[in-house]
Amino acid sequence: MSQESTATPRMTAEDLLGILRTCAGVADDIVLDDKALDTDFGSLGYDSIALLEVTANLERTFHVDLDDDAIKASDTPRDVISMINSR
């Protein structure tokens, strides 16, 4: 008999990129390399409306509740990945 894992899946940069593409219209040729992972979302071209959509998608996909303070404290893609994986 197999046991089903109830653990929240770990988020990767590719996961976040897929969500950004779905919610915020990221071009298909964009990659989240080390430099982009540490660049703030504003400099990457994302406004607060796009990030609200991304947040809602993250909550559904990774089964987490994200409050406004957590999102505001996550300035970069790497911050978001770390925040999701710490929950």
PDB file of N, CA and C in Angstrom:
ATOM      1  N   MET A   1       0.842  -1.170   0.000  1.00  0.00           N
ATOM      2  CA  MET A   1       0.000   0.000   0.000  1.00  0.00           C
ATOM      3  C   MET A   1       0.895   1.244   0.000  1.00  0.00           C
ATOM      4  N   SER A   2       0.707   2.131  -0.925  1.00  0.00           N
ATOM      5  CA  SER A   2       1.540   3.332  -0.999  1.00  0.00           C
ATOM      6  C   SER A   2       0.929   4.448  -0.165  1.00  0.00           C
ATOM      7  N   GLN A   3       1.815   5.270   0.394  1.00  0.00           N
ATOM      8  CA  GLN A   3       1.369   6.417   1.164  1.00  0.00           C
ATOM      9  C   GLN A   3       1.486   7.655   0.305  1.00  0.00           C
ATOM     10  N   GLU A   4       0.456   8.480   0.349  1.00  0.00           N
ATOM     11  CA  GLU A   4       0.479   9.724  -0.391  1.00  0.00           C
ATOM     12  C   GLU A   4       1.121  10.798   0.468  1.00  0.00           C
ATOM     13  N   SER A   5       1.993  11.569  -0.098  1.00  0.00           N
ATOM     14  CA  SER A   5       2.645  12.644   0.632  1.00  0.00           C
ATOM     15  C   SER A   5       1.699  13.829   0.754  1.00  0.00           C
ATOM     16  N   THR A   6       1.611  14.379   1.961  1.00  0.00           N
ATOM     17  CA  THR A   6       0.782  15.560   2.167  1.00  0.00           C
ATOM     18  C   THR A   6       1.631  16.815   2.297  1.00  0.00           C
ATOM     19  N   ALA A   7       2.931  16.688   2.116  1.00  0.00           N
ATOM     20  CA  ALA A   7       3.825  17.837   2.218  1.00  0.00           C
ATOM     21  C   ALA A   7       3.595  18.791   1.055  1.00  0.00           C
ATOM     22  N   THR A   8       3.756  20.061   1.351  1.00  0.00           N
ATOM     23  CA  THR A   8       3.654  21.071   0.312  1.00  0.00           C
ATOM     24  C   THR A   8       4.833  20.909  -0.639  1.00  0.00           C
ATOM     25  N   PRO A   9       4.581  20.918  -1.945  1.00  0.00           N
ATOM     26  CA  PRO A   9       5.693  20.773  -2.887  1.00  0.00           C
ATOM     27  C   PRO A   9       6.653  21.956  -2.779  1.00  0.00           C
ATOM     28  N   ARG A  10       7.936  21.691  -2.980  1.00  0.00           N
ATOM     29  CA  ARG A  10       8.932  22.760  -2.954  1.00  0.00           C
ATOM     30  C   ARG A  10       8.873  23.536  -4.265  1.00  0.00           C
ATOM     31  N   MET A  11       8.981  24.824  -4.143  1.00  0.00           N
ATOM     32  CA  MET A  11       8.927  25.698  -5.305  1.00  0.00           C
ATOM     33  C   MET A  11      10.319  25.869  -5.892  1.00  0.00           C
ATOM     34  N   THR A  12      10.392  25.873  -7.216  1.00  0.00           N
ATOM     35  CA  THR A  12      11.644  26.101  -7.929  1.00  0.00           C
ATOM     36  C   THR A  12      11.540  27.398  -8.730  1.00  0.00           C
ATOM     37  N   ALA A  13      12.658  27.843  -9.265  1.00  0.00           N
ATOM     38  CA  ALA A  13      12.655  29.023 -10.130  1.00  0.00           C
ATOM     39  C   ALA A  13      11.795  28.772 -11.363  1.00  0.00           C
ATOM     40  N   GLU A  14      11.827  27.551 -11.887  1.00  0.00           N
ATOM     41  CA  GLU A  14      10.996  27.219 -13.052  1.00  0.00           C
ATOM     42  C   GLU A  14       9.515  27.293 -12.716  1.00  0.00           C
ATOM     43  N   ASP A  15       9.143  26.867 -11.499  1.00  0.00           N
ATOM     44  CA  ASP A  15       7.745  26.979 -11.063  1.00  0.00           C
ATOM     45  C   ASP A  15       7.313  28.440 -11.059  1.00  0.00           C
ATOM     46  N   LEU A  16       8.141  29.292 -10.462  1.00  0.00           N
ATOM     47  CA  LEU A  16       7.808  30.714 -10.398  1.00  0.00           C
ATOM     48  C   LEU A  16       7.736  31.310 -11.791  1.00  0.00           C
ATOM     49  N   LEU A  17       8.649  30.948 -12.650  1.00  0.00           N
ATOM     50  CA  LEU A  17       8.635  31.461 -14.018  1.00  0.00           C
ATOM     51  C   LEU A  17       7.341  31.069 -14.726  1.00  0.00           C
ATOM     52  N   GLY A  18       6.897  29.843 -14.537  1.00  0.00           N
ATOM     53  CA  GLY A  18       5.635  29.403 -15.129  1.00  0.00           C
ATOM     54  C   GLY A  18       4.462  30.226 -14.629  1.00  0.00           C
ATOM     55  N   ILE A  19       4.452  30.523 -13.335  1.00  0.00           N
ATOM     56  CA  ILE A  19       3.377  31.333 -12.756  1.00  0.00           C
ATOM     57  C   ILE A  19       3.459  32.763 -13.273  1.00  0.00           C
ATOM     58  N   LEU A  20       4.658  33.314 -13.383  1.00  0.00           N
ATOM     59  CA  LEU A  20       4.814  34.663 -13.935  1.00  0.00           C
ATOM     60  C   LEU A  20       4.324  34.711 -15.380  1.00  0.00           C
ATOM     61  N   ARG A  21       4.619  33.671 -16.149  1.00  0.00           N
ATOM     62  CA  ARG A  21       4.147  33.623 -17.542  1.00  0.00           C
ATOM     63  C   ARG A  21       2.627  33.590 -17.595  1.00  0.00           C
ATOM     64  N   THR A  22       2.021  32.795 -16.733  1.00  0.00           N
ATOM     65  CA  THR A  22       0.567  32.656 -16.712  1.00  0.00           C
ATOM     66  C   THR A  22      -0.120  33.937 -16.263  1.00  0.00           C
ATOM     67  N   CYS A  23       0.391  34.547 -15.209  1.00  0.00           N
ATOM     68  CA  CYS A  23      -0.290  35.679 -14.576  1.00  0.00           C
ATOM     69  C   CYS A  23       0.125  37.043 -15.100  1.00  0.00           C
ATOM     70  N   ALA A  24       1.368  37.166 -15.492  1.00  0.00           N
ATOM     71  CA  ALA A  24       1.888  38.495 -15.789  1.00  0.00           C
ATOM     72  C   ALA A  24       2.444  38.636 -17.194  1.00  0.00           C
ATOM     73  N   GLY A  25       2.281  37.608 -18.009  1.00  0.00           N
ATOM     74  CA  GLY A  25       2.678  37.721 -19.399  1.00  0.00           C
ATOM     75  C   GLY A  25       4.168  37.785 -19.659  1.00  0.00           C
ATOM     76  N   VAL A  26       4.948  37.003 -18.947  1.00  0.00           N
ATOM     77  CA  VAL A  26       6.389  36.964 -19.183  1.00  0.00           C
ATOM     78  C   VAL A  26       6.657  36.364 -20.553  1.00  0.00           C
ATOM     79  N   ALA A  27       7.587  36.947 -21.268  1.00  0.00           N
ATOM     80  CA  ALA A  27       7.964  36.417 -22.580  1.00  0.00           C
ATOM     81  C   ALA A  27       8.556  35.020 -22.432  1.00  0.00           C
ATOM     82  N   ASP A  28       8.344  34.175 -23.429  1.00  0.00           N
ATOM     83  CA  ASP A  28       8.818  32.791 -23.379  1.00  0.00           C
ATOM     84  C   ASP A  28      10.337  32.674 -23.309  1.00  0.00           C
ATOM     85  N   ASP A  29      11.059  33.689 -23.765  1.00  0.00           N
ATOM     86  CA  ASP A  29      12.519  33.590 -23.769  1.00  0.00           C
ATOM     87  C   ASP A  29      13.170  34.105 -22.477  1.00  0.00           C
ATOM     88  N   ILE A  30      12.369  34.542 -21.513  1.00  0.00           N
ATOM     89  CA  ILE A  30      12.893  35.027 -20.237  1.00  0.00           C
ATOM     90  C   ILE A  30      13.307  33.845 -19.370  1.00  0.00           C
ATOM     91  N   VAL A  31      14.453  33.970 -18.714  1.00  0.00           N
ATOM     92  CA  VAL A  31      14.908  32.949 -17.766  1.00  0.00           C
ATOM     93  C   VAL A  31      15.176  33.626 -16.419  1.00  0.00           C
ATOM     94  N   LEU A  32      14.978  32.875 -15.356  1.00  0.00           N
ATOM     95  CA  LEU A  32      15.297  33.389 -14.030  1.00  0.00           C
ATOM     96  C   LEU A  32      16.676  32.877 -13.636  1.00  0.00           C
ATOM     97  N   ASP A  33      17.707  33.545 -14.179  1.00  0.00           N
ATOM     98  CA  ASP A  33      19.075  33.182 -13.817  1.00  0.00           C
ATOM     99  C   ASP A  33      19.418  33.828 -12.472  1.00  0.00           C
ATOM    100  N   ASP A  34      20.646  33.628 -11.991  1.00  0.00           N
ATOM    101  CA  ASP A  34      21.031  34.160 -10.678  1.00  0.00           C
ATOM    102  C   ASP A  34      20.842  35.668 -10.580  1.00  0.00           C
ATOM    103  N   LYS A  35      21.159  36.386 -11.642  1.00  0.00           N
ATOM    104  CA  LYS A  35      21.004  37.841 -11.619  1.00  0.00           C
ATOM    105  C   LYS A  35      19.530  38.221 -11.508  1.00  0.00           C
ATOM    106  N   ALA A  36      18.676  37.612 -12.317  1.00  0.00           N
ATOM    107  CA  ALA A  36      17.247  37.928 -12.289  1.00  0.00           C
ATOM    108  C   ALA A  36      16.605  37.507 -10.970  1.00  0.00           C
ATOM    109  N   LEU A  37      17.064  36.395 -10.392  1.00  0.00           N
ATOM    110  CA  LEU A  37      16.505  35.936  -9.115  1.00  0.00           C
ATOM    111  C   LEU A  37      16.717  36.956  -8.003  1.00  0.00           C
ATOM    112  N   ASP A  38      17.764  37.769  -8.127  1.00  0.00           N
ATOM    113  CA  ASP A  38      18.080  38.761  -7.100  1.00  0.00           C
ATOM    114  C   ASP A  38      17.738  40.191  -7.515  1.00  0.00           C
ATOM    115  N   THR A  39      16.968  40.345  -8.579  1.00  0.00           N
ATOM    116  CA  THR A  39      16.539  41.658  -9.055  1.00  0.00           C
ATOM    117  C   THR A  39      15.116  41.909  -8.575  1.00  0.00           C
ATOM    118  N   ASP A  40      14.848  43.120  -8.084  1.00  0.00           N
ATOM    119  CA  ASP A  40      13.504  43.384  -7.562  1.00  0.00           C
ATOM    120  C   ASP A  40      12.472  43.352  -8.692  1.00  0.00           C
ATOM    121  N   PHE A  41      11.246  43.001  -8.302  1.00  0.00           N
ATOM    122  CA  PHE A  41      10.183  42.822  -9.290  1.00  0.00           C
ATOM    123  C   PHE A  41       9.914  44.091 -10.093  1.00  0.00           C
ATOM    124  N   GLY A  42      10.020  45.258  -9.472  1.00  0.00           N
ATOM    125  CA  GLY A  42       9.816  46.511 -10.198  1.00  0.00           C
ATOM    126  C   GLY A  42      10.802  46.671 -11.339  1.00  0.00           C
ATOM    127  N   SER A  43      12.058  46.345 -11.087  1.00  0.00           N
ATOM    128  CA  SER A  43      13.086  46.429 -12.129  1.00  0.00           C
ATOM    129  C   SER A  43      12.891  45.380 -13.212  1.00  0.00           C
ATOM    130  N   LEU A  44      12.219  44.279 -12.851  1.00  0.00           N
ATOM    131  CA  LEU A  44      11.917  43.242 -13.844  1.00  0.00           C
ATOM    132  C   LEU A  44      10.654  43.574 -14.643  1.00  0.00           C
ATOM    133  N   GLY A  45       9.989  44.682 -14.281  1.00  0.00           N
ATOM    134  CA  GLY A  45       8.826  45.130 -15.037  1.00  0.00           C
ATOM    135  C   GLY A  45       7.479  44.702 -14.482  1.00  0.00           C
ATOM    136  N   TYR A  46       7.436  44.239 -13.237  1.00  0.00           N
ATOM    137  CA  TYR A  46       6.172  43.804 -12.639  1.00  0.00           C
ATOM    138  C   TYR A  46       5.634  44.864 -11.704  1.00  0.00           C
ATOM    139  N   ASP A  47       4.358  45.216 -11.894  1.00  0.00           N
ATOM    140  CA  ASP A  47       3.720  46.177 -11.003  1.00  0.00           C
ATOM    141  C   ASP A  47       2.923  45.439  -9.930  1.00  0.00           C
ATOM    142  N   SER A  48       2.308  46.197  -9.036  1.00  0.00           N
ATOM    143  CA  SER A  48       1.599  45.595  -7.906  1.00  0.00           C
ATOM    144  C   SER A  48       0.398  44.764  -8.349  1.00  0.00           C
ATOM    145  N   ILE A  49      -0.247  45.139  -9.435  1.00  0.00           N
ATOM    146  CA  ILE A  49      -1.396  44.367  -9.937  1.00  0.00           C
ATOM    147  C   ILE A  49      -0.936  42.989 -10.408  1.00  0.00           C
ATOM    148  N   ALA A  50       0.147  42.938 -11.147  1.00  0.00           N
ATOM    149  CA  ALA A  50       0.677  41.649 -11.612  1.00  0.00           C
ATOM    150  C   ALA A  50       1.065  40.777 -10.427  1.00  0.00           C
ATOM    151  N   LEU A  51       1.663  41.384  -9.406  1.00  0.00           N
ATOM    152  CA  LEU A  51       2.089  40.610  -8.243  1.00  0.00           C
ATOM    153  C   LEU A  51       0.904  40.099  -7.432  1.00  0.00           C
ATOM    154  N   LEU A  52      -0.220  40.817  -7.444  1.00  0.00           N
ATOM    155  CA  LEU A  52      -1.429  40.308  -6.784  1.00  0.00           C
ATOM    156  C   LEU A  52      -1.913  39.031  -7.461  1.00  0.00           C
ATOM    157  N   GLU A  53      -1.901  39.016  -8.771  1.00  0.00           N
ATOM    158  CA  GLU A  53      -2.293  37.809  -9.507  1.00  0.00           C
ATOM    159  C   GLU A  53      -1.326  36.667  -9.236  1.00  0.00           C
ATOM    160  N   VAL A  54      -0.045  36.977  -9.206  1.00  0.00           N
ATOM    161  CA  VAL A  54       0.966  35.962  -8.914  1.00  0.00           C
ATOM    162  C   VAL A  54       0.739  35.399  -7.511  1.00  0.00           C
ATOM    163  N   THR A  55       0.459  36.273  -6.549  1.00  0.00           N
ATOM    164  CA  THR A  55       0.215  35.840  -5.171  1.00  0.00           C
ATOM    165  C   THR A  55      -0.967  34.881  -5.091  1.00  0.00           C
ATOM    166  N   ALA A  56      -2.067  35.229  -5.739  1.00  0.00           N
ATOM    167  CA  ALA A  56      -3.250  34.357  -5.724  1.00  0.00           C
ATOM    168  C   ALA A  56      -2.922  32.993  -6.325  1.00  0.00           C
ATOM    169  N   ASN A  57      -2.158  32.985  -7.399  1.00  0.00           N
ATOM    170  CA  ASN A  57      -1.773  31.722  -8.035  1.00  0.00           C
ATOM    171  C   ASN A  57      -0.859  30.910  -7.117  1.00  0.00           C
ATOM    172  N   LEU A  58       0.072  31.560  -6.451  1.00  0.00           N
ATOM    173  CA  LEU A  58       0.966  30.871  -5.515  1.00  0.00           C
ATOM    174  C   LEU A  58       0.173  30.218  -4.390  1.00  0.00           C
ATOM    175  N   GLU A  59      -0.811  30.940  -3.868  1.00  0.00           N
ATOM    176  CA  GLU A  59      -1.626  30.398  -2.780  1.00  0.00           C
ATOM    177  C   GLU A  59      -2.362  29.135  -3.220  1.00  0.00           C
ATOM    178  N   ARG A  60      -2.919  29.173  -4.417  1.00  0.00           N
ATOM    179  CA  ARG A  60      -3.642  27.995  -4.936  1.00  0.00           C
ATOM    180  C   ARG A  60      -2.691  26.841  -5.233  1.00  0.00           C
ATOM    181  N   THR A  61      -1.610  27.135  -5.889  1.00  0.00           N
ATOM    182  CA  THR A  61      -0.690  26.089  -6.339  1.00  0.00           C
ATOM    183  C   THR A  61       0.046  25.418  -5.187  1.00  0.00           C
ATOM    184  N   PHE A  62       0.490  26.213  -4.224  1.00  0.00           N
ATOM    185  CA  PHE A  62       1.325  25.684  -3.143  1.00  0.00           C
ATOM    186  C   PHE A  62       0.581  25.548  -1.815  1.00  0.00           C
ATOM    187  N   HIS A  63      -0.728  25.797  -1.838  1.00  0.00           N
ATOM    188  CA  HIS A  63      -1.586  25.594  -0.661  1.00  0.00           C
ATOM    189  C   HIS A  63      -1.058  26.339   0.566  1.00  0.00           C
ATOM    190  N   VAL A  64      -0.784  27.635   0.373  1.00  0.00           N
ATOM    191  CA  VAL A  64      -0.301  28.482   1.460  1.00  0.00           C
ATOM    192  C   VAL A  64      -1.172  29.730   1.540  1.00  0.00           C
ATOM    193  N   ASP A  65      -1.199  30.335   2.713  1.00  0.00           N
ATOM    194  CA  ASP A  65      -1.855  31.628   2.892  1.00  0.00           C
ATOM    195  C   ASP A  65      -0.763  32.680   2.998  1.00  0.00           C
ATOM    196  N   LEU A  66      -0.820  33.668   2.135  1.00  0.00           N
ATOM    197  CA  LEU A  66       0.200  34.715   2.112  1.00  0.00           C
ATOM    198  C   LEU A  66      -0.437  36.035   2.510  1.00  0.00           C
ATOM    199  N   ASP A  67       0.059  36.630   3.587  1.00  0.00           N
ATOM    200  CA  ASP A  67      -0.476  37.920   3.991  1.00  0.00           C
ATOM    201  C   ASP A  67       0.261  39.041   3.258  1.00  0.00           C
ATOM    202  N   ASP A  68      -0.322  40.223   3.316  1.00  0.00           N
ATOM    203  CA  ASP A  68       0.250  41.367   2.595  1.00  0.00           C
ATOM    204  C   ASP A  68       1.676  41.680   3.034  1.00  0.00           C
ATOM    205  N   ASP A  69       1.959  41.547   4.325  1.00  0.00           N
ATOM    206  CA  ASP A  69       3.306  41.849   4.823  1.00  0.00           C
ATOM    207  C   ASP A  69       4.347  40.901   4.240  1.00  0.00           C
ATOM    208  N   ALA A  70       3.992  39.631   4.119  1.00  0.00           N
ATOM    209  CA  ALA A  70       4.930  38.649   3.555  1.00  0.00           C
ATOM    210  C   ALA A  70       5.240  38.984   2.106  1.00  0.00           C
ATOM    211  N   ILE A  71       4.223  39.361   1.371  1.00  0.00           N
ATOM    212  CA  ILE A  71       4.416  39.698  -0.043  1.00  0.00           C
ATOM    213  C   ILE A  71       5.243  40.972  -0.178  1.00  0.00           C
ATOM    214  N   LYS A  72       4.929  41.978   0.611  1.00  0.00           N
ATOM    215  CA  LYS A  72       5.678  43.237   0.535  1.00  0.00           C
ATOM    216  C   LYS A  72       7.148  43.042   0.891  1.00  0.00           C
ATOM    217  N   ALA A  73       7.429  42.073   1.763  1.00  0.00           N
ATOM    218  CA  ALA A  73       8.812  41.807   2.172  1.00  0.00           C
ATOM    219  C   ALA A  73       9.574  40.988   1.135  1.00  0.00           C
ATOM    220  N   SER A  74       8.874  40.450   0.172  1.00  0.00           N
ATOM    221  CA  SER A  74       9.499  39.619  -0.865  1.00  0.00           C
ATOM    222  C   SER A  74       9.720  40.456  -2.108  1.00  0.00           C
ATOM    223  N   ASP A  75      10.878  41.095  -2.167  1.00  0.00           N
ATOM    224  CA  ASP A  75      11.167  42.033  -3.249  1.00  0.00           C
ATOM    225  C   ASP A  75      11.641  41.370  -4.534  1.00  0.00           C
ATOM    226  N   THR A  76      12.211  40.185  -4.414  1.00  0.00           N
ATOM    227  CA  THR A  76      12.825  39.529  -5.574  1.00  0.00           C
ATOM    228  C   THR A  76      12.237  38.134  -5.778  1.00  0.00           C
ATOM    229  N   PRO A  77      12.421  37.568  -6.952  1.00  0.00           N
ATOM    230  CA  PRO A  77      11.982  36.185  -7.165  1.00  0.00           C
ATOM    231  C   PRO A  77      12.589  35.213  -6.147  1.00  0.00           C
ATOM    232  N   ARG A  78      13.863  35.395  -5.808  1.00  0.00           N
ATOM    233  CA  ARG A  78      14.489  34.504  -4.825  1.00  0.00           C
ATOM    234  C   ARG A  78      13.792  34.618  -3.464  1.00  0.00           C
ATOM    235  N   ASP A  79      13.392  35.847  -3.082  1.00  0.00           N
ATOM    236  CA  ASP A  79      12.662  36.044  -1.825  1.00  0.00           C
ATOM    237  C   ASP A  79      11.349  35.265  -1.831  1.00  0.00           C
ATOM    238  N   VAL A  80      10.631  35.314  -2.942  1.00  0.00           N
ATOM    239  CA  VAL A  80       9.349  34.612  -3.044  1.00  0.00           C
ATOM    240  C   VAL A  80       9.555  33.106  -2.927  1.00  0.00           C
ATOM    241  N   ILE A  81      10.533  32.583  -3.633  1.00  0.00           N
ATOM    242  CA  ILE A  81      10.809  31.139  -3.589  1.00  0.00           C
ATOM    243  C   ILE A  81      11.162  30.722  -2.162  1.00  0.00           C
ATOM    244  N   SER A  82      12.004  31.488  -1.497  1.00  0.00           N
ATOM    245  CA  SER A  82      12.387  31.180  -0.111  1.00  0.00           C
ATOM    246  C   SER A  82      11.187  31.242   0.819  1.00  0.00           C
ATOM    247  N   MET A  83      10.336  32.256   0.633  1.00  0.00           N
ATOM    248  CA  MET A  83       9.160  32.408   1.481  1.00  0.00           C
ATOM    249  C   MET A  83       8.225  31.209   1.329  1.00  0.00           C
ATOM    250  N   ILE A  84       7.949  30.808   0.094  1.00  0.00           N
ATOM    251  CA  ILE A  84       7.048  29.675  -0.149  1.00  0.00           C
ATOM    252  C   ILE A  84       7.648  28.399   0.436  1.00  0.00           C
ATOM    253  N   ASN A  85       8.921  28.179   0.231  1.00  0.00           N
ATOM    254  CA  ASN A  85       9.559  26.944   0.699  1.00  0.00           C
ATOM    255  C   ASN A  85       9.737  26.899   2.213  1.00  0.00           C
ATOM    256  N   SER A  86       9.632  28.037   2.881  1.00  0.00           N
ATOM    257  CA  SER A  86       9.765  28.051   4.342  1.00  0.00           C
ATOM    258  C   SER A  86       8.443  27.759   5.043  1.00  0.00           C
ATOM    259  N   ARG A  87       7.369  27.667   4.290  1.00  0.00           N
ATOM    260  CA  ARG A  87       6.044  27.439   4.899  1.00  0.00           C
ATOM    261  C   ARG A  87       5.684  25.989   4.911  1.00  0.00           C
TER     262      ARG A  87
END
